[in-house]
Amino acid sequence: MLALGSTDRPSSTVQAVAPAVLDLEASGFGRASYPIEVGFALPDGVLGCTLIRPEPSWIHWDPAAEHLHGIRRATALRAGRPTAEVARWLNGHLAGLVVYCDGWAHDYPWLGMLFDAAGQRPAFRLEHLHRLLDDARLSRWDDTVEAVRRDLGGARHRASTDARVLQVALQRLGA
């Protein structure tokens, strides 16, 4: 995982211009869940990622979600950054961009929860990446994502890695 504010250089699989992509990992899947990690891939392929320290009122924890992303609650509490710091960091990197995600129905509320807890507003707009895909490309989406994940060495399921996978898949589909 990259430290807050740090970046990772783009690989040769990411072209100079690509959609900005964001991904969140969360404590669970239901209404009481909250974000515990956020990552992004910028248009030039630079990655950013950080854990988010759960707020005191954020107590729900789903072992099935932990099994998926591999982040323990104790790790998020110990190594996560305060919500206000994470919100400022995201705005610093994403200001003015349209940022795409694959799970808008979950990611939008989790991002809202993060910014509400921070007492801030996003300086970017979050959209579902399906807006970039016509029906023909959308029909190839799942297979393309899996192919990218294999090509990137079976990339682990974490926020910045998932953002990179989604970004490369969008590029492969010509989005």
N, C-alpha and C. Protein backbone atom coordinates (compact mmCIF):
# COMPACT_ATOMS: atom_id res chain seq x y z
N MET A 1 0.84 -1.18 0.00
CA MET A 1 0.00 0.00 0.00
C MET A 1 0.88 1.23 0.00
N LEU A 2 0.50 2.22 -0.73
CA LEU A 2 1.24 3.47 -0.77
C LEU A 2 0.83 4.35 0.39
N ALA A 3 1.75 5.10 0.90
CA ALA A 3 1.47 6.01 1.99
C ALA A 3 0.62 7.17 1.49
N LEU A 4 -0.09 7.80 2.39
CA LEU A 4 -0.92 8.94 2.04
C LEU A 4 -0.07 9.99 1.36
N GLY A 5 -0.53 10.44 0.22
CA GLY A 5 0.16 11.49 -0.50
C GLY A 5 1.24 10.97 -1.41
N SER A 6 1.61 9.70 -1.32
CA SER A 6 2.62 9.19 -2.22
C SER A 6 1.96 8.70 -3.49
N THR A 7 2.76 8.53 -4.51
CA THR A 7 2.24 8.07 -5.78
C THR A 7 3.14 6.97 -6.32
N ASP A 8 2.60 6.25 -7.24
CA ASP A 8 3.32 5.18 -7.91
C ASP A 8 3.36 5.53 -9.38
N ARG A 9 4.48 5.32 -10.03
CA ARG A 9 4.63 5.63 -11.44
C ARG A 9 3.79 4.69 -12.29
N PRO A 10 3.28 5.20 -13.42
CA PRO A 10 2.48 4.36 -14.29
C PRO A 10 3.32 3.27 -14.95
N SER A 11 2.68 2.13 -15.18
CA SER A 11 3.35 1.06 -15.92
C SER A 11 3.15 1.30 -17.40
N SER A 12 3.83 0.53 -18.20
CA SER A 12 3.72 0.69 -19.64
C SER A 12 2.33 0.29 -20.15
N THR A 13 1.51 -0.37 -19.31
CA THR A 13 0.18 -0.77 -19.75
C THR A 13 -0.81 0.40 -19.72
N VAL A 14 -0.43 1.53 -19.15
CA VAL A 14 -1.32 2.68 -19.09
C VAL A 14 -0.80 3.75 -20.03
N GLN A 15 -1.65 4.19 -20.94
CA GLN A 15 -1.27 5.22 -21.90
C GLN A 15 -1.24 6.57 -21.21
N ALA A 16 -0.77 7.59 -21.92
CA ALA A 16 -0.61 8.91 -21.35
C ALA A 16 -1.93 9.51 -20.89
N VAL A 17 -3.05 9.21 -21.56
CA VAL A 17 -4.33 9.77 -21.16
C VAL A 17 -5.32 8.62 -20.97
N ALA A 18 -5.93 8.61 -19.82
CA ALA A 18 -6.91 7.57 -19.49
C ALA A 18 -7.92 8.18 -18.53
N PRO A 19 -9.08 7.57 -18.38
CA PRO A 19 -10.03 8.08 -17.40
C PRO A 19 -9.46 7.96 -15.98
N ALA A 20 -9.76 8.91 -15.13
CA ALA A 20 -9.41 8.79 -13.71
C ALA A 20 -10.39 7.79 -13.09
N VAL A 21 -9.86 6.87 -12.27
CA VAL A 21 -10.68 5.82 -11.69
C VAL A 21 -10.43 5.77 -10.19
N LEU A 22 -11.48 5.57 -9.42
CA LEU A 22 -11.41 5.48 -7.96
C LEU A 22 -12.04 4.16 -7.53
N ASP A 23 -11.48 3.59 -6.47
CA ASP A 23 -12.07 2.39 -5.89
C ASP A 23 -12.02 2.51 -4.37
N LEU A 24 -13.02 1.95 -3.72
CA LEU A 24 -13.08 1.93 -2.26
C LEU A 24 -13.21 0.50 -1.77
N GLU A 25 -12.56 0.21 -0.67
CA GLU A 25 -12.79 -1.03 0.07
C GLU A 25 -13.56 -0.62 1.32
N ALA A 26 -14.41 -1.51 1.80
CA ALA A 26 -15.29 -1.13 2.91
C ALA A 26 -15.38 -2.23 3.96
N SER A 27 -15.99 -1.85 5.07
CA SER A 27 -16.14 -2.75 6.22
C SER A 27 -17.15 -3.85 5.96
N GLY A 28 -17.97 -3.68 4.96
CA GLY A 28 -19.02 -4.64 4.66
C GLY A 28 -19.77 -4.22 3.42
N PHE A 29 -20.95 -4.77 3.24
CA PHE A 29 -21.71 -4.51 2.03
C PHE A 29 -23.06 -3.87 2.30
N GLY A 30 -23.50 -3.80 3.53
CA GLY A 30 -24.82 -3.29 3.85
C GLY A 30 -24.82 -1.82 4.20
N ARG A 31 -25.98 -1.38 4.71
CA ARG A 31 -26.19 0.05 5.02
C ARG A 31 -25.28 0.55 6.12
N ALA A 32 -24.86 -0.28 7.03
CA ALA A 32 -24.02 0.16 8.14
C ALA A 32 -22.53 0.14 7.79
N SER A 33 -22.21 -0.26 6.56
CA SER A 33 -20.79 -0.35 6.18
C SER A 33 -20.22 1.04 5.91
N TYR A 34 -18.91 1.11 5.90
CA TYR A 34 -18.20 2.39 5.76
C TYR A 34 -16.87 2.14 5.04
N PRO A 35 -16.28 3.20 4.47
CA PRO A 35 -15.03 3.02 3.72
C PRO A 35 -13.83 2.82 4.66
N ILE A 36 -12.93 1.91 4.27
CA ILE A 36 -11.71 1.70 5.05
C ILE A 36 -10.45 1.88 4.20
N GLU A 37 -10.61 1.94 2.88
CA GLU A 37 -9.47 2.18 2.01
C GLU A 37 -9.97 2.85 0.74
N VAL A 38 -9.19 3.79 0.24
CA VAL A 38 -9.52 4.44 -1.03
C VAL A 38 -8.25 4.47 -1.87
N GLY A 39 -8.45 4.23 -3.15
CA GLY A 39 -7.35 4.28 -4.09
C GLY A 39 -7.82 4.85 -5.41
N PHE A 40 -6.87 5.38 -6.16
CA PHE A 40 -7.22 5.94 -7.46
C PHE A 40 -6.10 5.71 -8.45
N ALA A 41 -6.48 5.79 -9.72
CA ALA A 41 -5.53 5.81 -10.83
C ALA A 41 -5.82 7.08 -11.60
N LEU A 42 -4.83 7.95 -11.70
CA LEU A 42 -5.00 9.23 -12.38
C LEU A 42 -4.90 9.04 -13.90
N PRO A 43 -5.30 10.05 -14.68
CA PRO A 43 -5.24 9.92 -16.13
C PRO A 43 -3.87 9.56 -16.68
N ASP A 44 -2.80 9.95 -16.01
CA ASP A 44 -1.46 9.59 -16.48
C ASP A 44 -0.99 8.25 -15.92
N GLY A 45 -1.87 7.54 -15.18
CA GLY A 45 -1.54 6.23 -14.65
C GLY A 45 -0.95 6.23 -13.26
N VAL A 46 -0.69 7.40 -12.69
CA VAL A 46 -0.16 7.47 -11.33
C VAL A 46 -1.23 6.96 -10.36
N LEU A 47 -0.79 6.15 -9.39
CA LEU A 47 -1.69 5.57 -8.40
C LEU A 47 -1.53 6.24 -7.04
N GLY A 48 -2.60 6.30 -6.29
CA GLY A 48 -2.57 6.73 -4.90
C GLY A 48 -3.48 5.84 -4.09
N CYS A 49 -3.11 5.60 -2.82
CA CYS A 49 -3.90 4.70 -1.99
C CYS A 49 -3.64 4.99 -0.52
N THR A 50 -4.67 4.87 0.31
CA THR A 50 -4.49 4.99 1.74
C THR A 50 -5.61 4.27 2.48
N LEU A 51 -5.28 3.81 3.66
CA LEU A 51 -6.29 3.29 4.57
C LEU A 51 -7.00 4.46 5.23
N ILE A 52 -8.25 4.24 5.61
CA ILE A 52 -9.06 5.26 6.28
C ILE A 52 -9.35 4.76 7.69
N ARG A 53 -9.02 5.58 8.68
CA ARG A 53 -9.31 5.22 10.06
C ARG A 53 -10.82 5.33 10.31
N PRO A 54 -11.45 4.26 10.74
CA PRO A 54 -12.89 4.34 11.02
C PRO A 54 -13.19 5.37 12.11
N GLU A 55 -14.26 6.10 11.89
CA GLU A 55 -14.76 7.04 12.90
C GLU A 55 -15.27 6.23 14.10
N PRO A 56 -15.32 6.83 15.29
CA PRO A 56 -15.80 6.09 16.47
C PRO A 56 -17.19 5.47 16.30
N SER A 57 -18.06 6.13 15.55
CA SER A 57 -19.42 5.60 15.36
C SER A 57 -19.50 4.54 14.26
N TRP A 58 -18.42 4.33 13.54
CA TRP A 58 -18.38 3.33 12.47
C TRP A 58 -17.95 2.00 13.09
N ILE A 59 -18.90 1.16 13.41
CA ILE A 59 -18.55 -0.06 14.15
C ILE A 59 -18.84 -1.35 13.39
N HIS A 60 -19.69 -1.32 12.36
CA HIS A 60 -20.04 -2.53 11.62
C HIS A 60 -18.78 -3.15 11.01
N TRP A 61 -18.66 -4.47 11.12
CA TRP A 61 -17.55 -5.17 10.47
C TRP A 61 -18.05 -6.51 9.96
N ASP A 62 -17.85 -6.77 8.69
CA ASP A 62 -18.31 -8.00 8.06
C ASP A 62 -17.10 -8.88 7.71
N PRO A 63 -16.97 -10.04 8.33
CA PRO A 63 -15.84 -10.93 8.03
C PRO A 63 -15.76 -11.32 6.55
N ALA A 64 -16.90 -11.36 5.85
CA ALA A 64 -16.88 -11.69 4.41
C ALA A 64 -16.17 -10.60 3.62
N ALA A 65 -16.37 -9.33 3.99
CA ALA A 65 -15.67 -8.24 3.32
C ALA A 65 -14.18 -8.31 3.63
N GLU A 66 -13.83 -8.57 4.89
CA GLU A 66 -12.43 -8.72 5.26
C GLU A 66 -11.77 -9.83 4.46
N HIS A 67 -12.48 -10.93 4.27
CA HIS A 67 -11.94 -12.04 3.49
C HIS A 67 -11.65 -11.60 2.06
N LEU A 68 -12.49 -10.75 1.51
CA LEU A 68 -12.33 -10.28 0.13
C LEU A 68 -11.13 -9.35 -0.02
N HIS A 69 -11.03 -8.32 0.83
CA HIS A 69 -9.95 -7.34 0.67
C HIS A 69 -8.74 -7.61 1.55
N GLY A 70 -8.88 -8.42 2.57
CA GLY A 70 -7.74 -8.78 3.41
C GLY A 70 -7.31 -7.72 4.41
N ILE A 71 -8.14 -6.72 4.63
CA ILE A 71 -7.81 -5.65 5.59
C ILE A 71 -8.54 -5.94 6.89
N ARG A 72 -7.80 -6.03 7.97
CA ARG A 72 -8.41 -6.26 9.28
C ARG A 72 -8.84 -4.92 9.89
N ARG A 73 -9.89 -4.94 10.67
CA ARG A 73 -10.35 -3.71 11.33
C ARG A 73 -9.24 -3.11 12.18
N ALA A 74 -8.51 -3.95 12.90
CA ALA A 74 -7.41 -3.46 13.74
C ALA A 74 -6.37 -2.73 12.90
N THR A 75 -6.13 -3.20 11.69
CA THR A 75 -5.18 -2.54 10.79
C THR A 75 -5.69 -1.17 10.38
N ALA A 76 -6.98 -1.09 10.02
CA ALA A 76 -7.56 0.20 9.63
C ALA A 76 -7.52 1.19 10.80
N LEU A 77 -7.80 0.70 12.00
CA LEU A 77 -7.76 1.57 13.18
C LEU A 77 -6.34 2.05 13.49
N ARG A 78 -5.39 1.16 13.34
CA ARG A 78 -4.00 1.48 13.68
C ARG A 78 -3.31 2.31 12.59
N ALA A 79 -3.48 1.91 11.33
CA ALA A 79 -2.72 2.52 10.24
C ALA A 79 -3.53 3.47 9.37
N GLY A 80 -4.84 3.51 9.57
CA GLY A 80 -5.68 4.39 8.75
C GLY A 80 -5.46 5.85 9.06
N ARG A 81 -5.68 6.68 8.06
CA ARG A 81 -5.56 8.14 8.21
C ARG A 81 -6.91 8.72 8.60
N PRO A 82 -6.91 9.82 9.35
CA PRO A 82 -8.18 10.47 9.71
C PRO A 82 -8.97 10.89 8.47
N THR A 83 -10.28 10.85 8.57
CA THR A 83 -11.14 11.16 7.43
C THR A 83 -10.85 12.55 6.84
N ALA A 84 -10.61 13.55 7.67
CA ALA A 84 -10.35 14.90 7.16
C ALA A 84 -9.07 14.93 6.33
N GLU A 85 -8.07 14.20 6.76
CA GLU A 85 -6.81 14.14 6.03
C GLU A 85 -7.00 13.43 4.68
N VAL A 86 -7.75 12.35 4.69
CA VAL A 86 -8.00 11.60 3.46
C VAL A 86 -8.82 12.45 2.48
N ALA A 87 -9.83 13.15 2.97
CA ALA A 87 -10.65 13.99 2.09
C ALA A 87 -9.81 15.10 1.46
N ARG A 88 -8.96 15.74 2.24
CA ARG A 88 -8.07 16.78 1.68
C ARG A 88 -7.14 16.19 0.63
N TRP A 89 -6.59 15.02 0.92
CA TRP A 89 -5.67 14.35 0.00
C TRP A 89 -6.37 14.01 -1.31
N LEU A 90 -7.60 13.45 -1.23
CA LEU A 90 -8.35 13.14 -2.44
C LEU A 90 -8.63 14.41 -3.25
N ASN A 91 -9.09 15.46 -2.59
CA ASN A 91 -9.36 16.71 -3.30
C ASN A 91 -8.10 17.27 -3.93
N GLY A 92 -6.98 17.13 -3.26
CA GLY A 92 -5.72 17.63 -3.81
C GLY A 92 -5.33 16.93 -5.10
N HIS A 93 -5.65 15.67 -5.22
CA HIS A 93 -5.27 14.90 -6.42
C HIS A 93 -6.37 14.85 -7.48
N LEU A 94 -7.62 14.97 -7.08
CA LEU A 94 -8.73 14.73 -8.01
C LEU A 94 -9.54 15.98 -8.35
N ALA A 95 -9.17 17.12 -7.79
CA ALA A 95 -9.94 18.36 -7.99
C ALA A 95 -10.20 18.62 -9.47
N GLY A 96 -11.47 18.89 -9.79
CA GLY A 96 -11.87 19.25 -11.13
C GLY A 96 -12.07 18.08 -12.08
N LEU A 97 -11.77 16.87 -11.64
CA LEU A 97 -11.88 15.70 -12.52
C LEU A 97 -13.24 15.03 -12.40
N VAL A 98 -13.65 14.37 -13.46
CA VAL A 98 -14.70 13.37 -13.38
C VAL A 98 -13.96 12.07 -13.12
N VAL A 99 -14.31 11.41 -12.04
CA VAL A 99 -13.64 10.18 -11.62
C VAL A 99 -14.65 9.04 -11.73
N TYR A 100 -14.22 7.93 -12.29
CA TYR A 100 -15.13 6.83 -12.55
C TYR A 100 -14.90 5.67 -11.58
N CYS A 101 -15.97 4.96 -11.29
CA CYS A 101 -15.91 3.78 -10.41
C CYS A 101 -16.80 2.70 -10.99
N ASP A 102 -16.61 1.47 -10.53
CA ASP A 102 -17.42 0.38 -11.05
C ASP A 102 -18.57 0.01 -10.13
N GLY A 103 -18.55 0.50 -8.91
CA GLY A 103 -19.60 0.16 -7.95
C GLY A 103 -20.28 1.40 -7.41
N TRP A 104 -20.79 2.23 -8.30
CA TRP A 104 -21.31 3.54 -7.91
C TRP A 104 -22.34 3.44 -6.79
N ALA A 105 -23.20 2.44 -6.81
CA ALA A 105 -24.25 2.32 -5.79
C ALA A 105 -23.67 2.15 -4.39
N HIS A 106 -22.48 1.61 -4.28
CA HIS A 106 -21.79 1.49 -2.99
C HIS A 106 -20.77 2.61 -2.81
N ASP A 107 -19.99 2.87 -3.86
CA ASP A 107 -18.89 3.83 -3.74
C ASP A 107 -19.38 5.25 -3.47
N TYR A 108 -20.47 5.66 -4.10
CA TYR A 108 -20.98 7.01 -3.89
C TYR A 108 -21.38 7.25 -2.43
N PRO A 109 -22.17 6.36 -1.82
CA PRO A 109 -22.50 6.57 -0.40
C PRO A 109 -21.27 6.49 0.51
N TRP A 110 -20.34 5.58 0.22
CA TRP A 110 -19.13 5.48 1.06
C TRP A 110 -18.29 6.74 0.94
N LEU A 111 -18.16 7.28 -0.28
CA LEU A 111 -17.41 8.51 -0.46
C LEU A 111 -18.12 9.66 0.26
N GLY A 112 -19.46 9.70 0.17
CA GLY A 112 -20.24 10.71 0.89
C GLY A 112 -20.04 10.61 2.38
N MET A 113 -20.01 9.39 2.89
CA MET A 113 -19.79 9.16 4.32
C MET A 113 -18.42 9.69 4.75
N LEU A 114 -17.41 9.43 3.93
CA LEU A 114 -16.06 9.92 4.22
C LEU A 114 -16.03 11.45 4.27
N PHE A 115 -16.57 12.09 3.25
CA PHE A 115 -16.54 13.55 3.19
C PHE A 115 -17.44 14.18 4.26
N ASP A 116 -18.58 13.56 4.57
CA ASP A 116 -19.43 14.07 5.65
C ASP A 116 -18.69 14.03 6.98
N ALA A 117 -18.03 12.91 7.26
CA ALA A 117 -17.27 12.78 8.51
C ALA A 117 -16.14 13.80 8.57
N ALA A 118 -15.59 14.13 7.42
CA ALA A 118 -14.49 15.09 7.35
C ALA A 118 -14.98 16.54 7.38
N GLY A 119 -16.29 16.74 7.21
CA GLY A 119 -16.83 18.11 7.15
C GLY A 119 -16.39 18.83 5.90
N GLN A 120 -16.21 18.10 4.81
CA GLN A 120 -15.74 18.66 3.55
C GLN A 120 -16.65 18.21 2.41
N ARG A 121 -16.41 18.81 1.24
CA ARG A 121 -17.13 18.43 0.03
C ARG A 121 -16.11 17.97 -1.00
N PRO A 122 -16.46 16.96 -1.80
CA PRO A 122 -15.54 16.54 -2.87
C PRO A 122 -15.36 17.65 -3.89
N ALA A 123 -14.14 17.81 -4.37
CA ALA A 123 -13.82 18.79 -5.41
C ALA A 123 -13.80 18.12 -6.78
N PHE A 124 -14.38 16.93 -6.86
CA PHE A 124 -14.43 16.15 -8.09
C PHE A 124 -15.81 15.50 -8.17
N ARG A 125 -16.14 14.96 -9.34
CA ARG A 125 -17.43 14.30 -9.53
C ARG A 125 -17.22 12.81 -9.75
N LEU A 126 -17.98 11.99 -9.06
CA LEU A 126 -17.91 10.54 -9.20
C LEU A 126 -19.02 10.06 -10.12
N GLU A 127 -18.65 9.27 -11.13
CA GLU A 127 -19.61 8.72 -12.09
C GLU A 127 -19.37 7.22 -12.23
N HIS A 128 -20.39 6.50 -12.64
CA HIS A 128 -20.24 5.07 -12.92
C HIS A 128 -19.52 4.91 -14.26
N LEU A 129 -18.56 4.01 -14.30
CA LEU A 129 -17.77 3.83 -15.52
C LEU A 129 -18.60 3.30 -16.69
N HIS A 130 -19.77 2.78 -16.42
CA HIS A 130 -20.62 2.33 -17.52
C HIS A 130 -21.01 3.47 -18.43
N ARG A 131 -20.92 4.71 -17.94
CA ARG A 131 -21.22 5.87 -18.78
C ARG A 131 -20.25 5.98 -19.96
N LEU A 132 -19.08 5.34 -19.82
CA LEU A 132 -18.06 5.40 -20.87
C LEU A 132 -18.19 4.27 -21.89
N LEU A 133 -19.11 3.34 -21.64
CA LEU A 133 -19.18 2.13 -22.46
C LEU A 133 -20.52 2.01 -23.19
N ASP A 134 -20.45 1.73 -24.48
CA ASP A 134 -21.68 1.42 -25.20
C ASP A 134 -22.04 -0.04 -24.93
N ASP A 135 -23.17 -0.49 -25.46
CA ASP A 135 -23.65 -1.85 -25.17
C ASP A 135 -22.65 -2.92 -25.61
N ALA A 136 -22.02 -2.74 -26.76
CA ALA A 136 -21.06 -3.74 -27.25
C ALA A 136 -19.86 -3.84 -26.31
N ARG A 137 -19.34 -2.71 -25.86
CA ARG A 137 -18.19 -2.73 -24.93
C ARG A 137 -18.62 -3.24 -23.56
N LEU A 138 -19.80 -2.87 -23.14
CA LEU A 138 -20.31 -3.32 -21.85
C LEU A 138 -20.46 -4.84 -21.82
N SER A 139 -20.81 -5.43 -22.93
CA SER A 139 -20.96 -6.88 -22.99
C SER A 139 -19.62 -7.60 -22.84
N ARG A 140 -18.52 -6.90 -23.10
CA ARG A 140 -17.18 -7.48 -22.97
C ARG A 140 -16.49 -7.06 -21.68
N TRP A 141 -17.16 -6.28 -20.84
CA TRP A 141 -16.55 -5.70 -19.65
C TRP A 141 -15.96 -6.74 -18.69
N ASP A 142 -16.77 -7.67 -18.24
CA ASP A 142 -16.31 -8.64 -17.23
C ASP A 142 -15.12 -9.45 -17.74
N ASP A 143 -15.19 -9.92 -18.97
CA ASP A 143 -14.08 -10.70 -19.53
C ASP A 143 -12.82 -9.85 -19.65
N THR A 144 -12.98 -8.59 -20.02
CA THR A 144 -11.82 -7.70 -20.15
C THR A 144 -11.18 -7.44 -18.80
N VAL A 145 -11.98 -7.21 -17.77
CA VAL A 145 -11.45 -6.99 -16.43
C VAL A 145 -10.66 -8.21 -15.96
N GLU A 146 -11.21 -9.38 -16.16
CA GLU A 146 -10.51 -10.61 -15.75
C GLU A 146 -9.21 -10.78 -16.52
N ALA A 147 -9.21 -10.47 -17.81
CA ALA A 147 -7.99 -10.58 -18.62
C ALA A 147 -6.93 -9.59 -18.12
N VAL A 148 -7.33 -8.38 -17.80
CA VAL A 148 -6.39 -7.39 -17.28
C VAL A 148 -5.82 -7.86 -15.95
N ARG A 149 -6.68 -8.37 -15.08
CA ARG A 149 -6.23 -8.85 -13.78
C ARG A 149 -5.17 -9.97 -13.96
N ARG A 150 -5.42 -10.89 -14.89
CA ARG A 150 -4.44 -11.95 -15.18
C ARG A 150 -3.15 -11.36 -15.74
N ASP A 151 -3.28 -10.42 -16.68
CA ASP A 151 -2.11 -9.82 -17.32
C ASP A 151 -1.25 -9.04 -16.32
N LEU A 152 -1.90 -8.51 -15.30
CA LEU A 152 -1.16 -7.76 -14.27
C LEU A 152 -0.70 -8.68 -13.14
N GLY A 153 -0.73 -9.97 -13.38
CA GLY A 153 -0.20 -10.92 -12.41
C GLY A 153 -1.17 -11.30 -11.31
N GLY A 154 -2.45 -11.37 -11.63
CA GLY A 154 -3.43 -11.75 -10.61
C GLY A 154 -3.50 -10.72 -9.51
N ALA A 155 -3.56 -9.47 -9.88
CA ALA A 155 -3.50 -8.34 -8.95
C ALA A 155 -4.40 -8.56 -7.73
N ARG A 156 -3.86 -8.23 -6.57
CA ARG A 156 -4.60 -8.37 -5.31
C ARG A 156 -5.81 -7.44 -5.29
N HIS A 157 -6.79 -7.80 -4.52
CA HIS A 157 -8.03 -7.02 -4.43
C HIS A 157 -7.85 -5.93 -3.38
N ARG A 158 -7.29 -4.81 -3.79
CA ARG A 158 -7.14 -3.63 -2.94
C ARG A 158 -7.50 -2.41 -3.79
N ALA A 159 -7.71 -1.27 -3.14
CA ALA A 159 -8.30 -0.12 -3.82
C ALA A 159 -7.48 0.40 -5.00
N SER A 160 -6.20 0.68 -4.83
CA SER A 160 -5.43 1.25 -5.94
C SER A 160 -5.20 0.22 -7.04
N THR A 161 -5.01 -1.04 -6.66
CA THR A 161 -4.83 -2.09 -7.65
C THR A 161 -6.10 -2.27 -8.46
N ASP A 162 -7.25 -2.27 -7.80
CA ASP A 162 -8.52 -2.39 -8.51
C ASP A 162 -8.75 -1.19 -9.42
N ALA A 163 -8.39 0.01 -8.96
CA ALA A 163 -8.53 1.21 -9.80
C ALA A 163 -7.68 1.07 -11.06
N ARG A 164 -6.46 0.56 -10.92
CA ARG A 164 -5.57 0.35 -12.08
C ARG A 164 -6.19 -0.67 -13.03
N VAL A 165 -6.68 -1.77 -12.50
CA VAL A 165 -7.29 -2.81 -13.34
C VAL A 165 -8.46 -2.23 -14.13
N LEU A 166 -9.32 -1.48 -13.47
CA LEU A 166 -10.47 -0.88 -14.13
C LEU A 166 -10.03 0.10 -15.20
N GLN A 167 -9.03 0.90 -14.90
CA GLN A 167 -8.54 1.90 -15.85
C GLN A 167 -7.98 1.23 -17.11
N VAL A 168 -7.17 0.21 -16.92
CA VAL A 168 -6.59 -0.50 -18.07
C VAL A 168 -7.69 -1.20 -18.88
N ALA A 169 -8.68 -1.78 -18.19
CA ALA A 169 -9.79 -2.41 -18.90
C ALA A 169 -10.56 -1.39 -19.75
N LEU A 170 -10.79 -0.21 -19.19
CA LEU A 170 -11.45 0.84 -19.97
C LEU A 170 -10.64 1.19 -21.20
N GLN A 171 -9.34 1.28 -21.06
CA GLN A 171 -8.50 1.60 -22.20
C GLN A 171 -8.54 0.50 -23.26
N ARG A 172 -8.50 -0.74 -22.82
CA ARG A 172 -8.54 -1.86 -23.77
C ARG A 172 -9.84 -1.87 -24.57
N LEU A 173 -10.89 -1.39 -23.94
CA LEU A 173 -12.19 -1.33 -24.63
C LEU A 173 -12.36 -0.04 -25.41
N GLY A 174 -11.35 0.81 -25.39
CA GLY A 174 -11.40 2.04 -26.15
C GLY A 174 -12.26 3.13 -25.56
N ALA A 175 -12.46 3.07 -24.25
CA ALA A 175 -13.29 4.08 -23.57
C ALA A 175 -12.50 5.36 -23.32
